[in-house]
Amino acid sequence: GRPDSHIVVTGNPAFYSPTLEARSPKKNREKPRLIYLSQTEFDDSALAGNKKHNTNVVDITLSELARIATNGEADVCVRFHPHQDLDQIQVPSSLRISKNSVELDHELVHVDAVLTASSSAALQAISYDIPILQIGWSNRSDMFRFSDFGPSQFVCEPAEIVNCLRNLMSQSNYGASSFPDHRMCTATICGLVELLADGT
């Protein structure tokens, strides 16, 4: 019963970009392209059950991605969260850093998959038919599963990243989002709110 002026929709902006409208999976590359959406993490992160790892999860992930890039198994880009203190993070020279001044859309259009623990930007990637590798060695990993929204594989250990990436890209439904209208996610939600407001 509230007027429109009292209703505010917050969160990420509408997931829509003409840049990605014609995007199709690049399955025929010589090597896949992966972007790591990094997040702030606890100093100790759960690897499995009650086991704790004594190294920051970001450092663990960057180390494995550097190995992957150095061995030529994948092209790797890293995008840090704006709240992360980069002065405290040593980034291997074999990894390219995506600057936050560059629109995420312009990075996503060039990748085959996204690696992250729980970044909401991964939902944006899924809405563009880009599959997710979900980090399993973070305390954030148990918040939810990206597989509920589209093609995603849970990666239990850092050493499994490459094999999980290859497996994900070989699936017949590679890049098939399960969003009802995946290029207009926010508009779909707003439409549902309007229906509820009208009592229909």
N, C-alpha and C. Protein backbone atom coordinates (compact mmCIF):
# COMPACT_ATOMS: atom_id res chain seq x y z
N GLY A 1 0.79 -1.19 0.00
CA GLY A 1 0.00 0.00 0.00
C GLY A 1 0.83 1.26 0.00
N ARG A 2 2.15 1.15 -0.01
CA ARG A 2 2.99 2.34 0.01
C ARG A 2 3.11 2.96 -1.39
N PRO A 3 3.30 4.27 -1.46
CA PRO A 3 3.48 4.91 -2.77
C PRO A 3 4.82 4.52 -3.38
N ASP A 4 4.92 4.69 -4.69
CA ASP A 4 6.14 4.30 -5.41
C ASP A 4 7.38 4.99 -4.85
N SER A 5 7.24 6.21 -4.37
CA SER A 5 8.38 6.98 -3.88
C SER A 5 8.99 6.38 -2.62
N HIS A 6 8.23 5.48 -1.94
CA HIS A 6 8.72 4.85 -0.72
C HIS A 6 9.46 3.55 -0.99
N ILE A 7 9.47 3.10 -2.24
CA ILE A 7 10.06 1.82 -2.59
C ILE A 7 11.40 2.04 -3.28
N VAL A 8 12.46 1.46 -2.71
CA VAL A 8 13.80 1.62 -3.27
C VAL A 8 14.39 0.23 -3.50
N VAL A 9 14.90 -0.02 -4.69
CA VAL A 9 15.57 -1.28 -5.02
C VAL A 9 17.06 -1.05 -4.90
N THR A 10 17.73 -1.84 -4.05
CA THR A 10 19.17 -1.68 -3.85
C THR A 10 19.92 -2.90 -4.35
N GLY A 11 21.24 -2.85 -4.25
CA GLY A 11 22.07 -3.99 -4.68
C GLY A 11 22.76 -3.68 -5.99
N ASN A 12 23.24 -4.73 -6.67
CA ASN A 12 23.92 -4.53 -7.94
C ASN A 12 22.97 -3.95 -8.97
N PRO A 13 23.46 -3.14 -9.91
CA PRO A 13 22.60 -2.59 -10.96
C PRO A 13 22.08 -3.68 -11.86
N ALA A 14 21.12 -3.32 -12.71
CA ALA A 14 20.53 -4.30 -13.62
C ALA A 14 21.61 -4.97 -14.45
N PHE A 15 21.54 -6.29 -14.56
CA PHE A 15 22.55 -7.04 -15.30
C PHE A 15 22.19 -7.04 -16.78
N TYR A 16 22.62 -6.03 -17.46
CA TYR A 16 22.36 -5.98 -18.89
C TYR A 16 23.48 -5.21 -19.56
N SER A 17 23.98 -5.74 -20.63
CA SER A 17 25.04 -5.04 -21.35
C SER A 17 24.99 -5.38 -22.83
N PRO A 18 24.82 -4.37 -23.70
CA PRO A 18 24.84 -4.63 -25.14
C PRO A 18 26.15 -5.27 -25.57
N THR A 19 27.23 -5.00 -24.82
CA THR A 19 28.54 -5.57 -25.15
C THR A 19 28.49 -7.09 -25.18
N LEU A 20 27.67 -7.67 -24.27
CA LEU A 20 27.61 -9.12 -24.13
C LEU A 20 26.44 -9.75 -24.85
N GLU A 21 25.66 -8.93 -25.54
CA GLU A 21 24.43 -9.45 -26.15
C GLU A 21 24.71 -10.57 -27.14
N ALA A 22 25.80 -10.45 -27.89
CA ALA A 22 26.09 -11.45 -28.92
C ALA A 22 27.16 -12.44 -28.47
N ARG A 23 27.45 -12.46 -27.18
CA ARG A 23 28.52 -13.32 -26.69
C ARG A 23 28.18 -14.78 -26.84
N SER A 24 29.16 -15.59 -27.24
CA SER A 24 29.01 -17.04 -27.30
C SER A 24 30.24 -17.67 -26.68
N PRO A 25 30.11 -18.88 -26.10
CA PRO A 25 31.26 -19.53 -25.46
C PRO A 25 32.42 -19.73 -26.43
N LYS A 26 33.62 -19.46 -25.96
CA LYS A 26 34.81 -19.59 -26.80
C LYS A 26 35.47 -20.94 -26.53
N LYS A 27 34.81 -22.01 -26.94
CA LYS A 27 35.28 -23.35 -26.58
C LYS A 27 36.45 -23.81 -27.44
N ASN A 28 36.75 -23.08 -28.52
CA ASN A 28 37.78 -23.54 -29.44
C ASN A 28 39.11 -22.84 -29.24
N ARG A 29 39.28 -22.14 -28.12
CA ARG A 29 40.56 -21.49 -27.86
C ARG A 29 41.66 -22.54 -27.66
N GLU A 30 42.90 -22.10 -27.87
CA GLU A 30 44.04 -22.99 -27.59
C GLU A 30 44.09 -23.30 -26.10
N LYS A 31 43.80 -22.30 -25.28
CA LYS A 31 43.70 -22.50 -23.84
C LYS A 31 42.60 -21.60 -23.29
N PRO A 32 41.88 -22.06 -22.27
CA PRO A 32 40.75 -21.30 -21.73
C PRO A 32 41.19 -20.03 -21.02
N ARG A 33 40.25 -19.11 -20.91
CA ARG A 33 40.51 -17.86 -20.20
C ARG A 33 39.64 -17.82 -18.94
N LEU A 34 40.29 -17.52 -17.83
CA LEU A 34 39.64 -17.57 -16.52
C LEU A 34 39.86 -16.25 -15.79
N ILE A 35 38.80 -15.75 -15.14
CA ILE A 35 38.95 -14.57 -14.29
C ILE A 35 38.63 -14.95 -12.85
N TYR A 36 39.49 -14.53 -11.94
CA TYR A 36 39.29 -14.79 -10.51
C TYR A 36 38.72 -13.53 -9.88
N LEU A 37 37.49 -13.62 -9.36
CA LEU A 37 36.87 -12.51 -8.65
C LEU A 37 37.20 -12.68 -7.18
N SER A 38 38.23 -11.97 -6.74
CA SER A 38 38.74 -12.09 -5.38
C SER A 38 37.85 -11.33 -4.40
N GLN A 39 37.89 -11.75 -3.13
CA GLN A 39 37.10 -11.12 -2.09
C GLN A 39 37.92 -11.00 -0.81
N THR A 40 37.46 -10.17 0.10
CA THR A 40 38.07 -10.15 1.42
C THR A 40 37.81 -11.49 2.09
N GLU A 41 38.79 -11.99 2.83
CA GLU A 41 38.69 -13.31 3.43
C GLU A 41 39.21 -13.28 4.87
N PHE A 42 38.81 -14.28 5.64
CA PHE A 42 39.40 -14.47 6.96
C PHE A 42 40.85 -14.91 6.79
N ASP A 43 41.67 -14.68 7.81
CA ASP A 43 43.07 -15.11 7.72
C ASP A 43 43.18 -16.62 7.59
N ASP A 44 42.29 -17.33 8.28
CA ASP A 44 42.25 -18.79 8.18
C ASP A 44 40.96 -19.19 7.50
N SER A 45 41.04 -20.08 6.52
CA SER A 45 39.85 -20.48 5.78
C SER A 45 39.72 -21.99 5.76
N ALA A 46 38.51 -22.44 5.84
CA ALA A 46 38.26 -23.88 5.93
C ALA A 46 38.52 -24.56 4.60
N LEU A 47 39.35 -25.58 4.63
CA LEU A 47 39.56 -26.40 3.43
C LEU A 47 38.56 -27.55 3.40
N ALA A 48 38.34 -28.17 4.51
CA ALA A 48 37.39 -29.29 4.56
C ALA A 48 37.04 -29.56 6.02
N GLY A 49 35.77 -29.65 6.31
CA GLY A 49 35.33 -29.95 7.66
C GLY A 49 35.89 -28.96 8.67
N ASN A 50 36.54 -29.46 9.70
CA ASN A 50 37.11 -28.61 10.74
C ASN A 50 38.57 -28.25 10.49
N LYS A 51 39.10 -28.69 9.37
CA LYS A 51 40.50 -28.41 9.07
C LYS A 51 40.67 -26.93 8.72
N LYS A 52 41.74 -26.35 9.20
CA LYS A 52 42.02 -24.96 8.91
C LYS A 52 43.33 -24.84 8.14
N HIS A 53 43.39 -23.91 7.23
CA HIS A 53 44.62 -23.67 6.49
C HIS A 53 45.27 -22.43 7.08
N ASN A 54 46.56 -22.46 7.29
CA ASN A 54 47.22 -21.36 7.98
C ASN A 54 47.69 -20.25 7.04
N THR A 55 47.26 -20.29 5.80
CA THR A 55 47.59 -19.24 4.84
C THR A 55 46.31 -18.62 4.32
N ASN A 56 46.33 -17.33 4.08
CA ASN A 56 45.14 -16.65 3.58
C ASN A 56 44.67 -17.27 2.27
N VAL A 57 43.36 -17.45 2.14
CA VAL A 57 42.80 -18.12 0.97
C VAL A 57 43.14 -17.39 -0.33
N VAL A 58 43.26 -16.08 -0.30
CA VAL A 58 43.61 -15.33 -1.51
C VAL A 58 45.02 -15.70 -1.95
N ASP A 59 45.95 -15.78 -1.00
CA ASP A 59 47.33 -16.15 -1.33
C ASP A 59 47.39 -17.57 -1.92
N ILE A 60 46.63 -18.48 -1.33
CA ILE A 60 46.58 -19.86 -1.83
C ILE A 60 46.11 -19.88 -3.28
N THR A 61 45.03 -19.14 -3.53
CA THR A 61 44.44 -19.12 -4.87
C THR A 61 45.37 -18.47 -5.89
N LEU A 62 45.96 -17.35 -5.52
CA LEU A 62 46.88 -16.66 -6.43
C LEU A 62 48.08 -17.54 -6.76
N SER A 63 48.57 -18.27 -5.78
CA SER A 63 49.71 -19.15 -6.01
C SER A 63 49.38 -20.23 -7.03
N GLU A 64 48.21 -20.84 -6.89
CA GLU A 64 47.82 -21.90 -7.83
C GLU A 64 47.54 -21.31 -9.22
N LEU A 65 46.92 -20.16 -9.27
CA LEU A 65 46.64 -19.53 -10.57
C LEU A 65 47.93 -19.13 -11.28
N ALA A 66 48.92 -18.72 -10.50
CA ALA A 66 50.22 -18.39 -11.09
C ALA A 66 50.86 -19.63 -11.71
N ARG A 67 50.74 -20.76 -11.03
CA ARG A 67 51.27 -22.02 -11.55
C ARG A 67 50.56 -22.37 -12.85
N ILE A 68 49.24 -22.21 -12.86
CA ILE A 68 48.44 -22.53 -14.05
C ILE A 68 48.85 -21.64 -15.23
N ALA A 69 49.01 -20.35 -14.97
CA ALA A 69 49.38 -19.41 -16.04
C ALA A 69 50.79 -19.67 -16.54
N THR A 70 51.71 -19.94 -15.62
CA THR A 70 53.11 -20.19 -16.00
C THR A 70 53.23 -21.45 -16.84
N ASN A 71 52.44 -22.46 -16.53
CA ASN A 71 52.46 -23.72 -17.28
C ASN A 71 51.68 -23.65 -18.59
N GLY A 72 51.04 -22.52 -18.85
CA GLY A 72 50.29 -22.35 -20.09
C GLY A 72 48.99 -23.13 -20.14
N GLU A 73 48.45 -23.48 -18.97
CA GLU A 73 47.20 -24.26 -18.94
C GLU A 73 45.96 -23.39 -19.09
N ALA A 74 46.10 -22.10 -18.83
CA ALA A 74 44.99 -21.17 -18.99
C ALA A 74 45.53 -19.74 -18.94
N ASP A 75 44.81 -18.83 -19.58
CA ASP A 75 45.09 -17.41 -19.41
C ASP A 75 44.29 -16.94 -18.20
N VAL A 76 44.95 -16.27 -17.27
CA VAL A 76 44.30 -15.94 -16.00
C VAL A 76 44.34 -14.44 -15.74
N CYS A 77 43.19 -13.92 -15.34
CA CYS A 77 43.06 -12.52 -14.95
C CYS A 77 42.52 -12.48 -13.52
N VAL A 78 42.95 -11.51 -12.74
CA VAL A 78 42.50 -11.37 -11.35
C VAL A 78 41.83 -10.01 -11.18
N ARG A 79 40.64 -10.02 -10.60
CA ARG A 79 39.95 -8.77 -10.29
C ARG A 79 39.67 -8.73 -8.79
N PHE A 80 40.25 -7.76 -8.12
CA PHE A 80 40.10 -7.65 -6.67
C PHE A 80 38.88 -6.82 -6.31
N HIS A 81 38.29 -7.16 -5.15
CA HIS A 81 37.17 -6.39 -4.63
C HIS A 81 37.67 -5.01 -4.24
N PRO A 82 36.86 -3.96 -4.45
CA PRO A 82 37.31 -2.60 -4.10
C PRO A 82 37.72 -2.44 -2.64
N HIS A 83 37.21 -3.29 -1.74
CA HIS A 83 37.53 -3.15 -0.32
C HIS A 83 38.80 -3.91 0.09
N GLN A 84 39.39 -4.63 -0.84
CA GLN A 84 40.61 -5.36 -0.50
C GLN A 84 41.82 -4.43 -0.46
N ASP A 85 42.70 -4.65 0.50
CA ASP A 85 43.91 -3.86 0.66
C ASP A 85 45.02 -4.51 -0.18
N LEU A 86 45.26 -3.96 -1.35
CA LEU A 86 46.23 -4.56 -2.27
C LEU A 86 47.65 -4.41 -1.77
N ASP A 87 47.88 -3.51 -0.83
CA ASP A 87 49.23 -3.36 -0.27
C ASP A 87 49.63 -4.60 0.53
N GLN A 88 48.62 -5.37 0.94
CA GLN A 88 48.88 -6.56 1.75
C GLN A 88 48.91 -7.84 0.90
N ILE A 89 48.76 -7.69 -0.42
CA ILE A 89 48.67 -8.85 -1.30
C ILE A 89 49.80 -8.82 -2.32
N GLN A 90 50.53 -9.91 -2.42
CA GLN A 90 51.58 -10.03 -3.41
C GLN A 90 51.03 -10.80 -4.61
N VAL A 91 50.94 -10.13 -5.75
CA VAL A 91 50.38 -10.75 -6.95
C VAL A 91 51.50 -11.23 -7.85
N PRO A 92 51.55 -12.52 -8.16
CA PRO A 92 52.59 -13.05 -9.05
C PRO A 92 52.58 -12.34 -10.40
N SER A 93 53.74 -12.15 -10.97
CA SER A 93 53.86 -11.39 -12.23
C SER A 93 53.21 -12.09 -13.42
N SER A 94 52.94 -13.38 -13.30
CA SER A 94 52.33 -14.12 -14.41
C SER A 94 50.83 -13.88 -14.51
N LEU A 95 50.26 -13.17 -13.56
CA LEU A 95 48.82 -12.92 -13.54
C LEU A 95 48.51 -11.48 -13.94
N ARG A 96 47.52 -11.31 -14.80
CA ARG A 96 47.09 -9.97 -15.19
C ARG A 96 46.06 -9.46 -14.19
N ILE A 97 46.16 -8.22 -13.78
CA ILE A 97 45.20 -7.63 -12.85
C ILE A 97 44.20 -6.79 -13.63
N SER A 98 42.93 -7.03 -13.36
CA SER A 98 41.86 -6.23 -13.95
C SER A 98 41.62 -5.03 -13.04
N LYS A 99 41.78 -3.84 -13.56
CA LYS A 99 41.59 -2.63 -12.78
C LYS A 99 40.09 -2.37 -12.58
N ASN A 100 39.74 -1.92 -11.39
CA ASN A 100 38.33 -1.64 -11.10
C ASN A 100 37.78 -0.47 -11.90
N SER A 101 38.68 0.30 -12.51
CA SER A 101 38.23 1.38 -13.38
C SER A 101 37.68 0.86 -14.70
N VAL A 102 38.00 -0.40 -14.99
CA VAL A 102 37.48 -1.06 -16.21
C VAL A 102 36.17 -1.75 -15.86
N GLU A 103 35.13 -1.52 -16.65
CA GLU A 103 33.84 -2.16 -16.40
C GLU A 103 33.99 -3.67 -16.40
N LEU A 104 33.34 -4.33 -15.45
CA LEU A 104 33.41 -5.79 -15.37
C LEU A 104 32.91 -6.44 -16.66
N ASP A 105 31.90 -5.84 -17.28
CA ASP A 105 31.37 -6.38 -18.54
C ASP A 105 32.47 -6.58 -19.58
N HIS A 106 33.40 -5.64 -19.64
CA HIS A 106 34.44 -5.69 -20.65
C HIS A 106 35.45 -6.80 -20.37
N GLU A 107 35.52 -7.24 -19.13
CA GLU A 107 36.37 -8.39 -18.80
C GLU A 107 35.61 -9.69 -19.07
N LEU A 108 34.34 -9.73 -18.69
CA LEU A 108 33.56 -10.95 -18.83
C LEU A 108 33.41 -11.39 -20.28
N VAL A 109 33.35 -10.44 -21.19
CA VAL A 109 33.13 -10.78 -22.60
C VAL A 109 34.28 -11.61 -23.17
N HIS A 110 35.43 -11.59 -22.49
CA HIS A 110 36.61 -12.29 -23.02
C HIS A 110 36.93 -13.60 -22.29
N VAL A 111 36.15 -13.97 -21.26
CA VAL A 111 36.51 -15.15 -20.47
C VAL A 111 35.58 -16.33 -20.75
N ASP A 112 36.09 -17.51 -20.39
CA ASP A 112 35.31 -18.74 -20.54
C ASP A 112 34.66 -19.16 -19.23
N ALA A 113 35.21 -18.71 -18.10
CA ALA A 113 34.66 -19.09 -16.80
C ALA A 113 35.13 -18.10 -15.74
N VAL A 114 34.41 -18.09 -14.62
CA VAL A 114 34.72 -17.22 -13.48
C VAL A 114 35.04 -18.09 -12.27
N LEU A 115 36.09 -17.72 -11.55
CA LEU A 115 36.47 -18.41 -10.31
C LEU A 115 36.20 -17.47 -9.14
N THR A 116 35.42 -17.92 -8.15
CA THR A 116 35.14 -17.11 -6.97
C THR A 116 34.54 -17.98 -5.88
N ALA A 117 34.50 -17.44 -4.67
CA ALA A 117 33.87 -18.17 -3.57
C ALA A 117 32.39 -17.82 -3.47
N SER A 118 32.09 -16.52 -3.43
CA SER A 118 30.67 -16.14 -3.27
C SER A 118 30.37 -14.76 -3.83
N SER A 119 31.22 -14.23 -4.68
CA SER A 119 31.00 -12.88 -5.20
C SER A 119 29.68 -12.77 -5.94
N SER A 120 28.91 -11.73 -5.62
CA SER A 120 27.64 -11.53 -6.31
C SER A 120 27.85 -11.21 -7.79
N ALA A 121 29.06 -10.76 -8.14
CA ALA A 121 29.35 -10.51 -9.55
C ALA A 121 29.31 -11.79 -10.36
N ALA A 122 29.48 -12.94 -9.70
CA ALA A 122 29.38 -14.22 -10.41
C ALA A 122 27.95 -14.46 -10.90
N LEU A 123 26.97 -13.92 -10.17
CA LEU A 123 25.59 -14.02 -10.65
C LEU A 123 25.41 -13.22 -11.94
N GLN A 124 26.12 -12.11 -12.01
CA GLN A 124 26.11 -11.33 -13.24
C GLN A 124 26.71 -12.16 -14.38
N ALA A 125 27.80 -12.87 -14.08
CA ALA A 125 28.42 -13.72 -15.10
C ALA A 125 27.47 -14.81 -15.56
N ILE A 126 26.79 -15.45 -14.61
CA ILE A 126 25.82 -16.50 -14.97
C ILE A 126 24.71 -15.93 -15.83
N SER A 127 24.29 -14.72 -15.52
CA SER A 127 23.22 -14.10 -16.31
C SER A 127 23.66 -13.87 -17.75
N TYR A 128 24.98 -13.86 -17.99
CA TYR A 128 25.53 -13.73 -19.34
C TYR A 128 25.99 -15.07 -19.89
N ASP A 129 25.52 -16.17 -19.26
CA ASP A 129 25.86 -17.52 -19.73
C ASP A 129 27.33 -17.87 -19.55
N ILE A 130 27.97 -17.32 -18.55
CA ILE A 130 29.36 -17.64 -18.25
C ILE A 130 29.39 -18.52 -17.00
N PRO A 131 29.90 -19.73 -17.08
CA PRO A 131 29.86 -20.67 -15.94
C PRO A 131 30.84 -20.31 -14.84
N ILE A 132 30.59 -20.89 -13.66
CA ILE A 132 31.33 -20.54 -12.46
C ILE A 132 32.09 -21.74 -11.90
N LEU A 133 33.32 -21.49 -11.47
CA LEU A 133 34.07 -22.42 -10.65
C LEU A 133 34.02 -21.86 -9.24
N GLN A 134 33.35 -22.56 -8.33
CA GLN A 134 33.18 -22.04 -6.97
C GLN A 134 34.26 -22.58 -6.05
N ILE A 135 35.02 -21.65 -5.46
CA ILE A 135 36.12 -22.00 -4.55
C ILE A 135 35.58 -22.74 -3.33
N GLY A 136 36.21 -23.87 -3.00
CA GLY A 136 35.77 -24.66 -1.87
C GLY A 136 36.66 -24.55 -0.64
N TRP A 137 37.71 -23.73 -0.69
CA TRP A 137 38.63 -23.61 0.44
C TRP A 137 38.46 -22.26 1.16
N SER A 138 37.28 -21.70 1.07
CA SER A 138 36.97 -20.44 1.74
C SER A 138 35.84 -20.63 2.74
N ASN A 139 35.87 -19.86 3.82
CA ASN A 139 34.75 -19.90 4.76
C ASN A 139 33.48 -19.34 4.14
N ARG A 140 33.61 -18.64 3.03
CA ARG A 140 32.45 -18.12 2.32
C ARG A 140 31.77 -19.19 1.46
N SER A 141 32.47 -20.29 1.24
CA SER A 141 32.01 -21.27 0.24
C SER A 141 30.69 -21.93 0.57
N ASP A 142 30.35 -22.00 1.86
CA ASP A 142 29.12 -22.70 2.25
C ASP A 142 27.91 -21.78 2.34
N MET A 143 28.05 -20.53 1.91
CA MET A 143 26.93 -19.60 1.98
C MET A 143 25.79 -20.02 1.05
N PHE A 144 26.15 -20.48 -0.15
CA PHE A 144 25.18 -20.98 -1.12
C PHE A 144 25.95 -21.62 -2.26
N ARG A 145 25.24 -22.21 -3.20
CA ARG A 145 25.87 -22.85 -4.35
C ARG A 145 25.44 -22.15 -5.64
N PHE A 146 26.42 -21.75 -6.44
CA PHE A 146 26.11 -21.13 -7.73
C PHE A 146 25.42 -22.11 -8.67
N SER A 147 25.58 -23.41 -8.42
CA SER A 147 24.94 -24.42 -9.26
C SER A 147 23.43 -24.33 -9.21
N ASP A 148 22.88 -23.61 -8.22
CA ASP A 148 21.43 -23.42 -8.15
C ASP A 148 20.94 -22.45 -9.23
N PHE A 149 21.87 -21.72 -9.87
CA PHE A 149 21.49 -20.69 -10.81
C PHE A 149 21.94 -20.95 -12.24
N GLY A 150 22.91 -21.82 -12.41
CA GLY A 150 23.42 -22.09 -13.75
C GLY A 150 24.62 -23.02 -13.67
N PRO A 151 25.26 -23.30 -14.81
CA PRO A 151 26.41 -24.20 -14.82
C PRO A 151 27.50 -23.74 -13.86
N SER A 152 27.85 -24.60 -12.94
CA SER A 152 28.86 -24.28 -11.94
C SER A 152 29.43 -25.57 -11.40
N GLN A 153 30.70 -25.51 -11.03
CA GLN A 153 31.34 -26.67 -10.42
C GLN A 153 32.03 -26.24 -9.14
N PHE A 154 31.81 -27.01 -8.08
CA PHE A 154 32.44 -26.73 -6.79
C PHE A 154 33.83 -27.32 -6.80
N VAL A 155 34.85 -26.49 -6.56
CA VAL A 155 36.24 -26.93 -6.60
C VAL A 155 36.73 -27.10 -5.17
N CYS A 156 37.01 -28.32 -4.78
CA CYS A 156 37.36 -28.61 -3.38
C CYS A 156 38.78 -28.19 -3.02
N GLU A 157 39.72 -28.33 -3.94
CA GLU A 157 41.12 -28.03 -3.66
C GLU A 157 41.69 -27.16 -4.78
N PRO A 158 42.64 -26.28 -4.48
CA PRO A 158 43.25 -25.44 -5.51
C PRO A 158 43.82 -26.23 -6.69
N ALA A 159 44.40 -27.38 -6.41
CA ALA A 159 45.02 -28.19 -7.48
C ALA A 159 44.00 -28.74 -8.47
N GLU A 160 42.70 -28.62 -8.15
CA GLU A 160 41.65 -29.16 -9.02
C GLU A 160 41.09 -28.12 -9.98
N ILE A 161 41.59 -26.89 -9.91
CA ILE A 161 41.01 -25.80 -10.71
C ILE A 161 41.00 -26.13 -12.20
N VAL A 162 42.14 -26.53 -12.75
CA VAL A 162 42.24 -26.76 -14.19
C VAL A 162 41.33 -27.89 -14.64
N ASN A 163 41.36 -29.02 -13.94
CA ASN A 163 40.52 -30.15 -14.33
C ASN A 163 39.04 -29.80 -14.24
N CYS A 164 38.66 -29.05 -13.21
CA CYS A 164 37.26 -28.65 -13.07
C CYS A 164 36.86 -27.69 -14.19
N LEU A 165 37.78 -26.82 -14.58
CA LEU A 165 37.51 -25.89 -15.69
C LEU A 165 37.28 -26.66 -16.99
N ARG A 166 38.14 -27.62 -17.27
CA ARG A 166 37.99 -28.42 -18.49
C ARG A 166 36.69 -29.22 -18.46
N ASN A 167 36.37 -29.79 -17.30
CA ASN A 167 35.14 -30.56 -17.17
C ASN A 167 33.91 -29.68 -17.39
N LEU A 168 33.95 -28.50 -16.82
CA LEU A 168 32.82 -27.58 -16.95
C LEU A 168 32.60 -27.18 -18.40
N MET A 169 33.68 -26.91 -19.11
CA MET A 169 33.56 -26.47 -20.51
C MET A 169 33.17 -27.60 -21.44
N SER A 170 33.35 -28.85 -21.01
CA SER A 170 32.99 -29.98 -21.86
C SER A 170 31.53 -30.40 -21.72
N GLN A 171 30.83 -29.83 -20.75
CA GLN A 171 29.44 -30.19 -20.52
C GLN A 171 28.57 -29.69 -21.66
N SER A 172 27.54 -30.48 -21.96
CA SER A 172 26.66 -30.14 -23.07
C SER A 172 25.87 -28.87 -22.82
N ASN A 173 25.62 -28.55 -21.55
CA ASN A 173 24.87 -27.33 -21.23
C ASN A 173 25.79 -26.20 -20.82
N TYR A 174 27.03 -26.25 -21.30
CA TYR A 174 28.02 -25.22 -20.98
C TYR A 174 27.44 -23.84 -21.25
N GLY A 175 27.41 -23.00 -20.23
CA GLY A 175 26.97 -21.63 -20.40
C GLY A 175 25.48 -21.44 -20.46
N ALA A 176 24.70 -22.45 -20.06
CA ALA A 176 23.24 -22.33 -20.12
C ALA A 176 22.69 -21.89 -18.78
N SER A 177 22.35 -20.63 -18.68
CA SER A 177 21.83 -20.09 -17.44
C SER A 177 20.43 -20.60 -17.17
N SER A 178 20.08 -20.78 -15.88
CA SER A 178 18.73 -21.21 -15.53
C SER A 178 17.88 -20.04 -15.05
N PHE A 179 18.39 -18.80 -15.20
CA PHE A 179 17.57 -17.64 -14.89
C PHE A 179 16.40 -17.59 -15.87
N PRO A 180 15.16 -17.24 -15.44
CA PRO A 180 14.02 -17.22 -16.34
C PRO A 180 14.21 -16.24 -17.49
N ASP A 181 14.82 -15.10 -17.24
CA ASP A 181 15.10 -14.12 -18.30
C ASP A 181 16.43 -13.51 -17.93
N HIS A 182 17.51 -14.22 -18.26
CA HIS A 182 18.79 -13.93 -17.63
C HIS A 182 19.43 -12.62 -18.04
N ARG A 183 18.91 -11.92 -19.06
CA ARG A 183 19.49 -10.64 -19.40
C ARG A 183 18.70 -9.49 -18.79
N MET A 184 17.64 -9.79 -18.08
CA MET A 184 16.83 -8.75 -17.46
C MET A 184 16.47 -9.16 -16.04
N CYS A 185 17.47 -9.55 -15.27
CA CYS A 185 17.22 -10.09 -13.92
C CYS A 185 16.51 -9.10 -13.02
N THR A 186 17.03 -7.88 -12.93
CA THR A 186 16.44 -6.88 -12.06
C THR A 186 15.04 -6.51 -12.53
N ALA A 187 14.85 -6.40 -13.84
CA ALA A 187 13.54 -6.06 -14.38
C ALA A 187 12.53 -7.15 -14.03
N THR A 188 12.95 -8.41 -14.08
CA THR A 188 12.06 -9.52 -13.72
C THR A 188 11.63 -9.42 -12.27
N ILE A 189 12.59 -9.13 -11.37
CA ILE A 189 12.28 -9.00 -9.95
C ILE A 189 11.33 -7.83 -9.71
N CYS A 190 11.59 -6.71 -10.37
CA CYS A 190 10.72 -5.54 -10.21
C CYS A 190 9.30 -5.84 -10.71
N GLY A 191 9.22 -6.64 -11.78
CA GLY A 191 7.90 -7.03 -12.29
C GLY A 191 7.13 -7.84 -11.28
N LEU A 192 7.84 -8.75 -10.59
CA LEU A 192 7.19 -9.55 -9.55
C LEU A 192 6.73 -8.67 -8.38
N VAL A 193 7.55 -7.68 -8.01
CA VAL A 193 7.16 -6.76 -6.94
C VAL A 193 5.90 -5.99 -7.33
N GLU A 194 5.81 -5.56 -8.59
CA GLU A 194 4.62 -4.83 -9.03
C GLU A 194 3.38 -5.70 -8.99
N LEU A 195 3.53 -6.98 -9.37
CA LEU A 195 2.39 -7.89 -9.30
C LEU A 195 1.90 -8.07 -7.87
N LEU A 196 2.87 -8.22 -6.94
CA LEU A 196 2.50 -8.36 -5.53
C LEU A 196 1.84 -7.09 -5.00
N ALA A 197 2.35 -5.94 -5.43
CA ALA A 197 1.78 -4.67 -4.98
C ALA A 197 0.35 -4.49 -5.46
N ASP A 198 0.08 -5.02 -6.68
CA ASP A 198 -1.28 -4.92 -7.24
C ASP A 198 -2.23 -5.95 -6.66
N GLY A 199 -1.66 -6.91 -5.92
CA GLY A 199 -2.50 -7.95 -5.33
C GLY A 199 -2.95 -9.00 -6.32
N THR A 200 -2.25 -9.12 -7.46
CA THR A 200 -2.64 -10.12 -8.47
C THR A 200 -1.77 -11.34 -8.36
